[in-house]
N, C-alpha and C. Protein backbone atom coordinates (compact mmCIF):
# COMPACT_ATOMS: atom_id res chain seq x y z
N UNK A 1 7.98 -6.18 -10.55
CA UNK A 1 6.75 -5.49 -10.23
C UNK A 1 6.70 -4.15 -10.96
N UNK A 2 7.84 -3.48 -11.01
CA UNK A 2 7.90 -2.20 -11.70
C UNK A 2 7.53 -2.32 -13.17
N UNK A 3 7.92 -3.45 -13.81
CA UNK A 3 7.59 -3.67 -15.21
C UNK A 3 6.08 -3.80 -15.39
N UNK A 4 5.44 -4.49 -14.46
CA UNK A 4 4.00 -4.68 -14.53
C UNK A 4 3.28 -3.34 -14.38
N UNK A 5 3.77 -2.50 -13.48
CA UNK A 5 3.15 -1.19 -13.25
C UNK A 5 3.38 -0.28 -14.45
N UNK A 6 4.61 -0.25 -14.96
CA UNK A 6 4.91 0.64 -16.09
C UNK A 6 4.28 0.15 -17.39
N UNK A 7 3.88 -1.12 -17.45
CA UNK A 7 3.23 -1.65 -18.65
C UNK A 7 1.80 -1.15 -18.79
N UNK A 8 1.25 -0.53 -17.75
CA UNK A 8 -0.13 -0.02 -17.79
C UNK A 8 -0.14 1.47 -17.44
N UNK A 9 0.48 2.33 -18.30
CA UNK A 9 0.57 3.75 -17.94
C UNK A 9 -0.78 4.44 -17.82
N UNK A 10 -1.76 4.00 -18.57
CA UNK A 10 -3.08 4.63 -18.48
C UNK A 10 -3.71 4.40 -17.12
N UNK A 11 -3.28 3.35 -16.44
CA UNK A 11 -3.87 3.02 -15.14
C UNK A 11 -2.96 3.38 -13.97
N UNK A 12 -1.64 3.26 -14.12
CA UNK A 12 -0.73 3.41 -12.99
C UNK A 12 0.35 4.48 -13.15
N UNK A 13 0.21 5.43 -14.06
CA UNK A 13 1.29 6.39 -14.28
C UNK A 13 1.56 7.25 -13.04
N UNK A 14 0.55 7.60 -12.28
CA UNK A 14 0.76 8.41 -11.08
C UNK A 14 1.50 7.60 -10.02
N UNK A 15 1.11 6.35 -9.80
CA UNK A 15 1.81 5.50 -8.83
C UNK A 15 3.23 5.22 -9.31
N UNK A 16 3.41 5.03 -10.60
CA UNK A 16 4.74 4.81 -11.16
C UNK A 16 5.64 6.02 -10.89
N UNK A 17 5.11 7.22 -11.08
CA UNK A 17 5.86 8.44 -10.77
C UNK A 17 6.16 8.52 -9.28
N UNK A 18 5.20 8.14 -8.45
CA UNK A 18 5.41 8.16 -7.00
C UNK A 18 6.54 7.19 -6.61
N UNK A 19 6.56 6.01 -7.22
CA UNK A 19 7.63 5.04 -6.96
C UNK A 19 8.99 5.62 -7.35
N UNK A 20 9.04 6.25 -8.50
CA UNK A 20 10.29 6.82 -9.00
C UNK A 20 10.77 7.96 -8.11
N UNK A 21 9.88 8.91 -7.79
CA UNK A 21 10.26 10.07 -6.98
C UNK A 21 10.65 9.70 -5.55
N UNK A 22 10.09 8.61 -5.04
CA UNK A 22 10.39 8.21 -3.66
C UNK A 22 11.52 7.20 -3.57
N UNK A 23 12.09 6.81 -4.73
CA UNK A 23 13.21 5.87 -4.73
C UNK A 23 12.81 4.42 -4.65
N UNK A 24 11.54 4.11 -4.90
CA UNK A 24 11.07 2.72 -4.84
C UNK A 24 10.72 2.19 -6.23
N UNK A 25 11.36 2.74 -7.27
CA UNK A 25 11.07 2.26 -8.62
C UNK A 25 11.56 0.83 -8.83
N UNK A 26 12.54 0.40 -8.06
CA UNK A 26 12.91 -1.02 -8.00
C UNK A 26 12.22 -1.54 -6.75
N UNK A 27 10.92 -1.81 -6.87
CA UNK A 27 10.03 -1.99 -5.72
C UNK A 27 10.53 -2.97 -4.68
N UNK A 28 10.93 -4.15 -5.06
CA UNK A 28 11.27 -5.18 -4.08
C UNK A 28 12.67 -5.77 -4.33
N UNK A 29 13.72 -4.92 -4.41
CA UNK A 29 15.03 -5.47 -4.75
C UNK A 29 15.63 -6.36 -3.66
N UNK A 30 15.32 -6.13 -2.40
CA UNK A 30 15.93 -6.89 -1.31
C UNK A 30 15.02 -7.97 -0.75
N UNK A 31 13.88 -8.19 -1.36
CA UNK A 31 12.96 -9.20 -0.85
C UNK A 31 13.49 -10.59 -1.18
N UNK A 32 13.36 -11.49 -0.22
CA UNK A 32 13.82 -12.86 -0.41
C UNK A 32 12.87 -13.68 -1.26
N UNK A 33 11.59 -13.51 -1.05
CA UNK A 33 10.61 -14.31 -1.81
C UNK A 33 9.62 -13.41 -2.54
N UNK A 34 9.99 -12.20 -2.79
CA UNK A 34 9.07 -11.30 -3.47
C UNK A 34 8.20 -10.57 -2.47
N UNK A 35 7.10 -10.08 -2.93
CA UNK A 35 6.24 -9.33 -2.05
C UNK A 35 4.89 -9.04 -2.67
N UNK A 36 4.19 -8.12 -2.04
CA UNK A 36 2.85 -7.76 -2.45
C UNK A 36 2.78 -6.25 -2.54
N UNK A 37 2.24 -5.75 -3.64
CA UNK A 37 2.05 -4.31 -3.82
C UNK A 37 0.57 -4.06 -4.05
N UNK A 38 0.05 -3.09 -3.31
CA UNK A 38 -1.33 -2.64 -3.49
C UNK A 38 -1.24 -1.33 -4.26
N UNK A 39 -1.43 -1.39 -5.58
CA UNK A 39 -1.17 -0.26 -6.46
C UNK A 39 -2.44 0.55 -6.73
N UNK A 40 -2.45 1.82 -6.27
CA UNK A 40 -3.61 2.68 -6.56
C UNK A 40 -3.59 3.12 -8.02
N UNK A 41 -4.75 3.20 -8.60
CA UNK A 41 -4.88 3.65 -9.98
C UNK A 41 -4.74 5.17 -10.05
N UNK A 42 -4.65 5.69 -11.28
CA UNK A 42 -4.63 7.14 -11.47
C UNK A 42 -5.90 7.77 -10.90
N UNK A 43 -7.03 7.08 -11.08
CA UNK A 43 -8.30 7.59 -10.56
C UNK A 43 -8.28 7.65 -9.03
N UNK A 44 -7.59 6.71 -8.40
CA UNK A 44 -7.49 6.72 -6.93
C UNK A 44 -6.72 7.96 -6.47
N UNK A 45 -5.63 8.28 -7.14
CA UNK A 45 -4.89 9.49 -6.79
C UNK A 45 -5.72 10.74 -7.05
N UNK A 46 -6.51 10.74 -8.12
CA UNK A 46 -7.36 11.89 -8.43
C UNK A 46 -8.36 12.16 -7.31
N UNK A 47 -8.82 11.10 -6.62
CA UNK A 47 -9.75 11.26 -5.51
C UNK A 47 -9.15 12.08 -4.36
N UNK A 48 -7.81 12.09 -4.25
CA UNK A 48 -7.16 12.86 -3.19
C UNK A 48 -7.31 14.36 -3.39
N UNK A 49 -7.56 14.79 -4.61
CA UNK A 49 -7.74 16.19 -4.91
C UNK A 49 -6.45 16.87 -5.33
N UNK A 50 -6.59 18.03 -5.96
CA UNK A 50 -5.41 18.71 -6.51
C UNK A 50 -4.45 19.25 -5.45
N UNK A 51 -4.94 19.65 -4.30
CA UNK A 51 -4.07 20.22 -3.26
C UNK A 51 -3.14 19.13 -2.71
N UNK A 52 -3.70 17.98 -2.36
CA UNK A 52 -2.90 16.88 -1.83
C UNK A 52 -1.89 16.40 -2.87
N UNK A 53 -2.34 16.21 -4.11
CA UNK A 53 -1.44 15.73 -5.16
C UNK A 53 -0.34 16.73 -5.46
N UNK A 54 -0.66 18.01 -5.48
CA UNK A 54 0.36 19.03 -5.73
C UNK A 54 1.42 18.98 -4.64
N UNK A 55 1.01 18.81 -3.39
CA UNK A 55 1.98 18.73 -2.30
C UNK A 55 2.81 17.45 -2.39
N UNK A 56 2.16 16.32 -2.60
CA UNK A 56 2.87 15.04 -2.66
C UNK A 56 3.99 15.04 -3.68
N UNK A 57 3.76 15.65 -4.84
CA UNK A 57 4.73 15.60 -5.92
C UNK A 57 5.60 16.85 -5.99
N UNK A 58 5.59 17.64 -4.91
CA UNK A 58 6.48 18.80 -4.81
C UNK A 58 7.71 18.42 -3.99
N UNK A 59 8.70 19.29 -4.00
CA UNK A 59 9.91 19.07 -3.20
C UNK A 59 9.54 18.97 -1.72
N UNK A 60 8.63 19.81 -1.26
CA UNK A 60 8.23 19.82 0.16
C UNK A 60 7.51 18.54 0.57
N UNK A 61 6.89 17.85 -0.37
CA UNK A 61 6.11 16.67 -0.04
C UNK A 61 6.85 15.35 -0.21
N UNK A 62 8.16 15.39 -0.48
CA UNK A 62 8.91 14.16 -0.73
C UNK A 62 8.81 13.15 0.41
N UNK A 63 8.93 13.61 1.66
CA UNK A 63 8.87 12.70 2.81
C UNK A 63 7.51 12.04 2.94
N UNK A 64 6.45 12.81 2.73
CA UNK A 64 5.10 12.27 2.82
C UNK A 64 4.83 11.30 1.67
N UNK A 65 5.32 11.62 0.47
CA UNK A 65 5.15 10.72 -0.67
C UNK A 65 5.86 9.40 -0.41
N UNK A 66 7.06 9.46 0.16
CA UNK A 66 7.81 8.24 0.47
C UNK A 66 7.03 7.38 1.47
N UNK A 67 6.50 8.00 2.52
CA UNK A 67 5.71 7.26 3.51
C UNK A 67 4.46 6.65 2.88
N UNK A 68 3.82 7.40 2.01
CA UNK A 68 2.62 6.90 1.33
C UNK A 68 2.95 5.67 0.48
N UNK A 69 4.03 5.74 -0.28
CA UNK A 69 4.44 4.61 -1.11
C UNK A 69 4.79 3.41 -0.24
N UNK A 70 5.52 3.63 0.85
CA UNK A 70 5.90 2.53 1.74
C UNK A 70 4.68 1.81 2.30
N UNK A 71 3.59 2.54 2.51
CA UNK A 71 2.37 1.93 3.06
C UNK A 71 1.67 1.02 2.05
N UNK A 72 2.07 1.07 0.79
CA UNK A 72 1.46 0.24 -0.25
C UNK A 72 2.30 -0.98 -0.61
N UNK A 73 3.48 -1.13 0.03
CA UNK A 73 4.40 -2.21 -0.34
C UNK A 73 4.65 -3.13 0.85
N UNK A 74 4.58 -4.42 0.59
CA UNK A 74 4.85 -5.45 1.59
C UNK A 74 5.96 -6.34 1.04
N UNK A 75 7.11 -6.39 1.71
CA UNK A 75 8.22 -7.23 1.27
C UNK A 75 8.21 -8.55 2.02
N UNK A 76 8.66 -9.59 1.35
CA UNK A 76 8.81 -10.92 1.95
C UNK A 76 7.50 -11.58 2.38
N UNK A 77 6.40 -11.07 1.92
CA UNK A 77 5.08 -11.66 2.13
C UNK A 77 4.35 -11.55 0.80
N UNK A 78 4.11 -12.68 0.17
CA UNK A 78 3.41 -12.69 -1.12
C UNK A 78 2.02 -13.26 -0.90
N UNK A 79 1.02 -12.38 -1.03
CA UNK A 79 -0.35 -12.78 -0.75
C UNK A 79 -1.18 -12.78 -2.03
N UNK A 80 -1.59 -13.94 -2.44
CA UNK A 80 -2.55 -14.10 -3.52
C UNK A 80 -3.92 -14.29 -2.87
N UNK A 81 -4.96 -14.28 -3.66
CA UNK A 81 -6.29 -14.49 -3.09
C UNK A 81 -6.51 -15.93 -2.64
N UNK A 82 -5.61 -16.83 -3.06
CA UNK A 82 -5.77 -18.23 -2.68
C UNK A 82 -4.50 -18.85 -2.10
N UNK A 83 -3.48 -18.05 -1.85
CA UNK A 83 -2.23 -18.57 -1.29
C UNK A 83 -1.48 -17.43 -0.60
N UNK A 84 -0.67 -17.82 0.36
CA UNK A 84 0.09 -16.82 1.11
C UNK A 84 1.46 -17.39 1.42
N UNK A 85 2.51 -16.70 1.01
CA UNK A 85 3.89 -17.12 1.25
C UNK A 85 4.60 -16.04 2.05
N UNK A 86 5.43 -16.46 3.00
CA UNK A 86 6.17 -15.49 3.80
C UNK A 86 7.60 -15.98 3.98
N UNK A 87 8.51 -15.05 4.22
CA UNK A 87 9.90 -15.41 4.49
C UNK A 87 10.05 -15.57 5.99
N UNK A 88 10.66 -16.67 6.39
CA UNK A 88 10.86 -16.95 7.81
C UNK A 88 12.34 -17.20 8.05
N UNK A 89 12.95 -16.47 8.99
CA UNK A 89 14.37 -16.65 9.29
C UNK A 89 14.64 -17.95 10.03
N UNK A 90 13.64 -18.58 10.58
CA UNK A 90 13.80 -19.87 11.26
C UNK A 90 14.66 -19.79 12.50
N UNK A 91 14.83 -20.92 13.14
CA UNK A 91 15.57 -20.99 14.41
C UNK A 91 17.06 -20.73 14.24
N UNK A 92 17.63 -21.19 13.13
CA UNK A 92 19.07 -21.03 12.95
C UNK A 92 19.45 -19.81 12.12
N UNK A 93 18.49 -18.95 11.84
CA UNK A 93 18.76 -17.74 11.11
C UNK A 93 18.81 -17.91 9.60
N UNK A 94 18.63 -19.13 9.13
CA UNK A 94 18.65 -19.38 7.69
C UNK A 94 17.25 -19.12 7.15
N UNK A 95 17.18 -18.25 6.15
CA UNK A 95 15.88 -17.89 5.61
C UNK A 95 15.27 -18.98 4.78
N UNK A 96 13.97 -19.10 4.90
CA UNK A 96 13.25 -20.07 4.07
C UNK A 96 11.85 -19.54 3.82
N UNK A 97 11.28 -19.95 2.72
CA UNK A 97 9.91 -19.54 2.39
C UNK A 97 8.95 -20.52 3.04
N UNK A 98 7.90 -20.00 3.64
CA UNK A 98 6.85 -20.84 4.21
C UNK A 98 5.54 -20.47 3.55
N UNK A 99 4.72 -21.45 3.35
CA UNK A 99 3.40 -21.20 2.80
C UNK A 99 2.39 -21.24 3.93
N UNK A 100 1.58 -20.21 3.99
CA UNK A 100 0.49 -20.21 4.94
C UNK A 100 -0.63 -21.08 4.39
N UNK A 101 -1.50 -21.53 5.23
CA UNK A 101 -2.64 -22.33 4.79
C UNK A 101 -3.90 -21.52 4.98
N UNK A 102 -4.20 -20.62 4.02
CA UNK A 102 -5.30 -19.70 4.25
C UNK A 102 -6.69 -20.31 4.20
N UNK A 103 -6.91 -21.35 3.44
CA UNK A 103 -8.27 -21.86 3.28
C UNK A 103 -9.05 -20.95 2.35
N UNK A 104 -10.33 -21.22 2.14
CA UNK A 104 -11.11 -20.42 1.20
C UNK A 104 -11.32 -18.98 1.68
N UNK A 105 -11.57 -18.80 2.96
CA UNK A 105 -11.71 -17.46 3.56
C UNK A 105 -10.58 -17.31 4.57
N UNK A 106 -9.92 -16.17 4.56
CA UNK A 106 -8.86 -15.98 5.53
C UNK A 106 -8.60 -14.51 5.81
N UNK A 107 -7.92 -14.28 6.91
CA UNK A 107 -7.49 -12.94 7.33
C UNK A 107 -5.99 -12.99 7.56
N UNK A 108 -5.30 -11.94 7.15
CA UNK A 108 -3.87 -11.83 7.39
C UNK A 108 -3.50 -10.35 7.58
N UNK A 109 -2.57 -10.09 8.48
CA UNK A 109 -2.02 -8.75 8.65
C UNK A 109 -0.66 -8.72 7.98
N UNK A 110 -0.48 -7.86 6.99
CA UNK A 110 0.76 -7.78 6.23
C UNK A 110 1.57 -6.57 6.66
N UNK A 111 2.81 -6.77 7.10
CA UNK A 111 3.65 -5.64 7.52
C UNK A 111 4.16 -4.85 6.31
N UNK A 112 3.85 -3.58 6.26
CA UNK A 112 4.29 -2.74 5.15
C UNK A 112 5.71 -2.23 5.40
N UNK A 113 6.24 -1.55 4.41
CA UNK A 113 7.56 -0.94 4.56
C UNK A 113 7.51 0.30 5.45
N UNK A 114 6.32 0.82 5.71
CA UNK A 114 6.16 1.98 6.59
C UNK A 114 6.25 1.52 8.04
N UNK A 115 7.07 2.16 8.79
CA UNK A 115 7.39 1.78 10.16
C UNK A 115 6.16 1.43 11.00
N UNK A 116 6.15 0.21 11.50
CA UNK A 116 5.14 -0.31 12.43
C UNK A 116 3.71 -0.22 11.91
N UNK A 117 3.56 -0.24 10.60
CA UNK A 117 2.21 -0.18 10.03
C UNK A 117 1.96 -1.44 9.21
N UNK A 118 0.81 -2.03 9.39
CA UNK A 118 0.45 -3.21 8.61
C UNK A 118 -0.90 -2.99 7.95
N UNK A 119 -1.17 -3.82 6.97
CA UNK A 119 -2.45 -3.80 6.28
C UNK A 119 -3.25 -5.02 6.71
N UNK A 120 -4.48 -4.80 7.09
CA UNK A 120 -5.38 -5.88 7.48
C UNK A 120 -6.12 -6.35 6.24
N UNK A 121 -5.92 -7.61 5.87
CA UNK A 121 -6.50 -8.14 4.63
C UNK A 121 -7.50 -9.24 4.96
N UNK A 122 -8.68 -9.15 4.36
CA UNK A 122 -9.71 -10.18 4.50
C UNK A 122 -10.09 -10.68 3.12
N UNK A 123 -10.05 -11.99 2.94
CA UNK A 123 -10.42 -12.63 1.68
C UNK A 123 -11.65 -13.49 1.93
N UNK A 124 -12.69 -13.27 1.16
CA UNK A 124 -13.93 -14.05 1.25
C UNK A 124 -14.26 -14.62 -0.12
N UNK A 125 -14.78 -15.82 -0.14
CA UNK A 125 -15.16 -16.48 -1.39
C UNK A 125 -16.61 -16.92 -1.33
N UNK A 126 -17.29 -16.76 -2.46
CA UNK A 126 -18.62 -17.29 -2.67
C UNK A 126 -18.59 -17.95 -4.04
N UNK A 127 -18.33 -19.24 -4.06
CA UNK A 127 -18.17 -19.93 -5.35
C UNK A 127 -16.96 -19.38 -6.07
N UNK A 128 -17.18 -18.86 -7.28
CA UNK A 128 -16.08 -18.28 -8.05
C UNK A 128 -15.82 -16.81 -7.72
N UNK A 129 -16.70 -16.19 -6.99
CA UNK A 129 -16.53 -14.77 -6.64
C UNK A 129 -15.54 -14.63 -5.49
N UNK A 130 -14.65 -13.65 -5.62
CA UNK A 130 -13.64 -13.37 -4.59
C UNK A 130 -13.76 -11.92 -4.19
N UNK A 131 -13.81 -11.66 -2.90
CA UNK A 131 -13.82 -10.30 -2.38
C UNK A 131 -12.60 -10.14 -1.47
N UNK A 132 -11.70 -9.23 -1.85
CA UNK A 132 -10.52 -8.95 -1.04
C UNK A 132 -10.66 -7.52 -0.53
N UNK A 133 -10.62 -7.37 0.80
CA UNK A 133 -10.76 -6.05 1.42
C UNK A 133 -9.50 -5.70 2.20
N UNK A 134 -9.15 -4.43 2.13
CA UNK A 134 -7.98 -3.92 2.83
C UNK A 134 -8.46 -3.01 3.95
N UNK A 135 -7.94 -3.22 5.14
CA UNK A 135 -8.29 -2.42 6.33
C UNK A 135 -9.79 -2.39 6.57
N UNK A 136 -10.44 -3.49 6.29
CA UNK A 136 -11.84 -3.64 6.65
C UNK A 136 -12.86 -3.23 5.61
N UNK A 137 -12.53 -2.24 4.75
CA UNK A 137 -13.59 -1.77 3.87
C UNK A 137 -13.17 -1.40 2.45
N UNK A 138 -11.89 -1.27 2.15
CA UNK A 138 -11.47 -0.90 0.80
C UNK A 138 -11.32 -2.15 -0.06
N UNK A 139 -12.09 -2.22 -1.13
CA UNK A 139 -12.08 -3.39 -2.01
C UNK A 139 -10.93 -3.32 -3.00
N UNK A 140 -10.31 -4.48 -3.22
CA UNK A 140 -9.32 -4.60 -4.27
C UNK A 140 -10.08 -4.75 -5.59
N UNK A 141 -9.74 -3.90 -6.58
CA UNK A 141 -10.46 -3.95 -7.86
C UNK A 141 -10.05 -5.14 -8.71
N UNK A 142 -8.74 -5.36 -8.82
CA UNK A 142 -8.22 -6.48 -9.60
C UNK A 142 -7.23 -7.22 -8.71
N UNK A 143 -7.48 -8.50 -8.46
CA UNK A 143 -6.61 -9.29 -7.59
C UNK A 143 -5.62 -10.12 -8.41
N UNK A 144 -4.50 -10.42 -7.77
CA UNK A 144 -3.57 -11.44 -8.26
C UNK A 144 -2.93 -11.18 -9.62
N UNK A 145 -2.48 -9.96 -9.88
CA UNK A 145 -1.67 -9.72 -11.08
C UNK A 145 -0.26 -10.18 -10.74
N UNK A 146 0.16 -11.29 -11.34
CA UNK A 146 1.41 -11.93 -10.97
C UNK A 146 2.58 -11.28 -11.70
N UNK A 147 3.64 -10.97 -10.95
CA UNK A 147 4.88 -10.43 -11.50
C UNK A 147 6.02 -11.37 -11.11
N UNK A 148 7.19 -11.14 -11.68
CA UNK A 148 8.33 -12.02 -11.40
C UNK A 148 8.78 -11.92 -9.95
N UNK A 149 8.50 -10.80 -9.30
CA UNK A 149 8.94 -10.61 -7.92
C UNK A 149 7.80 -10.48 -6.92
N UNK A 150 6.63 -11.01 -7.26
CA UNK A 150 5.52 -10.97 -6.31
C UNK A 150 4.19 -10.85 -6.99
N UNK A 151 3.28 -10.20 -6.31
CA UNK A 151 1.91 -10.05 -6.81
C UNK A 151 1.45 -8.61 -6.61
N UNK A 152 0.65 -8.14 -7.56
CA UNK A 152 0.12 -6.79 -7.51
C UNK A 152 -1.39 -6.86 -7.43
N UNK A 153 -1.96 -6.06 -6.53
CA UNK A 153 -3.41 -5.94 -6.41
C UNK A 153 -3.76 -4.49 -6.74
N UNK A 154 -4.72 -4.29 -7.62
CA UNK A 154 -5.12 -2.96 -8.07
C UNK A 154 -6.15 -2.36 -7.12
N UNK A 155 -5.85 -1.15 -6.64
CA UNK A 155 -6.72 -0.46 -5.69
C UNK A 155 -7.41 0.73 -6.35
N UNK A 156 -8.68 0.92 -6.03
CA UNK A 156 -9.43 2.09 -6.49
C UNK A 156 -9.32 3.26 -5.54
N UNK A 157 -8.59 3.05 -4.43
CA UNK A 157 -8.37 4.10 -3.44
C UNK A 157 -6.91 4.07 -3.00
N UNK A 158 -6.39 5.24 -2.64
CA UNK A 158 -5.07 5.31 -2.04
C UNK A 158 -5.21 4.88 -0.59
N UNK A 159 -4.34 3.99 -0.15
CA UNK A 159 -4.41 3.49 1.23
C UNK A 159 -3.80 4.49 2.19
N UNK A 160 -4.47 4.70 3.32
CA UNK A 160 -3.98 5.61 4.35
C UNK A 160 -3.92 4.88 5.68
N UNK A 161 -2.89 5.14 6.49
CA UNK A 161 -2.85 4.54 7.82
C UNK A 161 -4.07 4.96 8.63
N UNK A 162 -4.44 4.17 9.63
CA UNK A 162 -5.59 4.53 10.47
C UNK A 162 -5.38 5.88 11.15
N UNK A 163 -6.47 6.51 11.52
CA UNK A 163 -6.38 7.78 12.23
C UNK A 163 -5.66 7.58 13.55
N UNK A 164 -4.90 8.58 13.94
CA UNK A 164 -4.17 8.55 15.21
C UNK A 164 -5.11 9.03 16.32
N UNK A 165 -5.52 8.14 17.23
CA UNK A 165 -6.49 8.54 18.26
C UNK A 165 -5.92 9.54 19.26
N UNK A 166 -4.58 9.62 19.35
CA UNK A 166 -3.96 10.54 20.31
C UNK A 166 -3.85 11.96 19.76
N UNK A 167 -4.14 12.13 18.49
CA UNK A 167 -4.00 13.44 17.87
C UNK A 167 -5.14 14.36 18.30
N UNK A 168 -4.77 15.56 18.68
CA UNK A 168 -5.77 16.56 19.08
C UNK A 168 -6.49 17.08 17.84
N UNK A 169 -7.82 17.16 17.87
CA UNK A 169 -8.51 17.73 16.71
C UNK A 169 -8.19 19.22 16.60
N UNK A 170 -8.06 19.69 15.38
CA UNK A 170 -7.77 21.10 15.15
C UNK A 170 -9.04 21.82 14.77
N UNK A 171 -9.11 23.08 15.14
CA UNK A 171 -10.23 23.90 14.72
C UNK A 171 -10.05 24.24 13.25
N UNK A 172 -11.08 24.05 12.47
CA UNK A 172 -11.00 24.37 11.05
C UNK A 172 -11.02 25.86 10.82
N UNK A 173 -10.48 26.27 9.68
CA UNK A 173 -10.50 27.69 9.33
C UNK A 173 -11.57 27.98 8.29
N UNK A 174 -12.44 26.99 8.05
CA UNK A 174 -13.51 27.18 7.08
C UNK A 174 -13.11 26.76 5.67
N UNK A 175 -11.84 26.47 5.44
CA UNK A 175 -11.38 26.07 4.12
C UNK A 175 -11.37 24.55 4.07
N UNK A 176 -12.36 23.95 3.42
CA UNK A 176 -12.53 22.50 3.41
C UNK A 176 -11.33 21.78 2.79
N UNK A 177 -10.79 22.35 1.67
CA UNK A 177 -9.64 21.72 1.03
C UNK A 177 -8.43 21.69 1.96
N UNK A 178 -8.22 22.78 2.70
CA UNK A 178 -7.11 22.85 3.64
C UNK A 178 -7.31 21.84 4.77
N UNK A 179 -8.53 21.74 5.29
CA UNK A 179 -8.82 20.80 6.36
C UNK A 179 -8.60 19.35 5.91
N UNK A 180 -9.00 19.03 4.69
CA UNK A 180 -8.78 17.67 4.16
C UNK A 180 -7.28 17.40 4.00
N UNK A 181 -6.53 18.41 3.57
CA UNK A 181 -5.09 18.26 3.42
C UNK A 181 -4.43 18.03 4.77
N UNK A 182 -4.83 18.77 5.79
CA UNK A 182 -4.27 18.61 7.13
C UNK A 182 -4.62 17.23 7.71
N UNK A 183 -5.83 16.76 7.45
CA UNK A 183 -6.23 15.43 7.90
C UNK A 183 -5.41 14.35 7.20
N UNK A 184 -5.16 14.54 5.92
CA UNK A 184 -4.34 13.60 5.15
C UNK A 184 -2.93 13.54 5.76
N UNK A 185 -2.32 14.68 6.00
CA UNK A 185 -0.98 14.71 6.58
C UNK A 185 -0.96 14.09 7.97
N UNK A 186 -2.01 14.31 8.75
CA UNK A 186 -2.07 13.79 10.12
C UNK A 186 -2.03 12.27 10.16
N UNK A 187 -2.50 11.61 9.11
CA UNK A 187 -2.49 10.15 9.08
C UNK A 187 -1.06 9.60 9.12
N UNK A 188 -0.08 10.42 8.71
CA UNK A 188 1.31 9.96 8.63
C UNK A 188 2.20 10.55 9.73
N UNK A 189 1.63 11.33 10.63
CA UNK A 189 2.42 11.94 11.72
C UNK A 189 3.12 10.87 12.53
N UNK A 190 4.43 11.06 12.73
CA UNK A 190 5.21 10.14 13.54
C UNK A 190 5.57 8.83 12.87
N UNK A 191 5.23 8.67 11.58
CA UNK A 191 5.49 7.39 10.90
C UNK A 191 6.67 7.47 9.94
N UNK A 192 7.12 8.65 9.66
CA UNK A 192 8.23 8.80 8.71
C UNK A 192 8.96 10.09 8.96
N UNK A 193 9.45 10.68 7.88
CA UNK A 193 10.15 11.94 7.98
C UNK A 193 9.15 13.03 8.36
N UNK A 194 9.68 14.16 8.83
CA UNK A 194 8.79 15.29 9.11
C UNK A 194 8.30 15.88 7.80
N UNK A 195 7.01 16.24 7.78
CA UNK A 195 6.47 16.84 6.56
C UNK A 195 5.95 18.21 6.90
């Protein structure tokens, strides 16, 4: 998967750097049947703004960057737009690959490497047209880029965990960039290292 990402530096250099800095440059080394990576483009990272990106790639932001990368990687579940494979330990503990039977339209929840967080995936078909959505509304730009260790889907947005409903809203200080940065960090509260 790393080779596929590094082969397109004009599109994935920021995500490639994020993988390297967070220690996931060998994306799926322990996966039994490969996995699925939802790779944000450079333009997707640019949408986060300079404040968020500066923090993510600083020493202080290492924990948050690691959590962000983990939320984009699914091990032992390889999801194509027309097929789904998962690793199953079975009754006797012996691992085996199983193929799901998705049909033309299907929904699947994929467990990410980020603790207790999954991605909700919906695949819809209309003839030859395929629409793959992540978490209900984010469209996959390019589906099914096949690699030796799984499949890569190109995202036009950086994926963020759902908002935490138990989090108390904070009073803003009038600085919109700061408020957006705090909201971004809040999405990862309690899911990884302290940031």
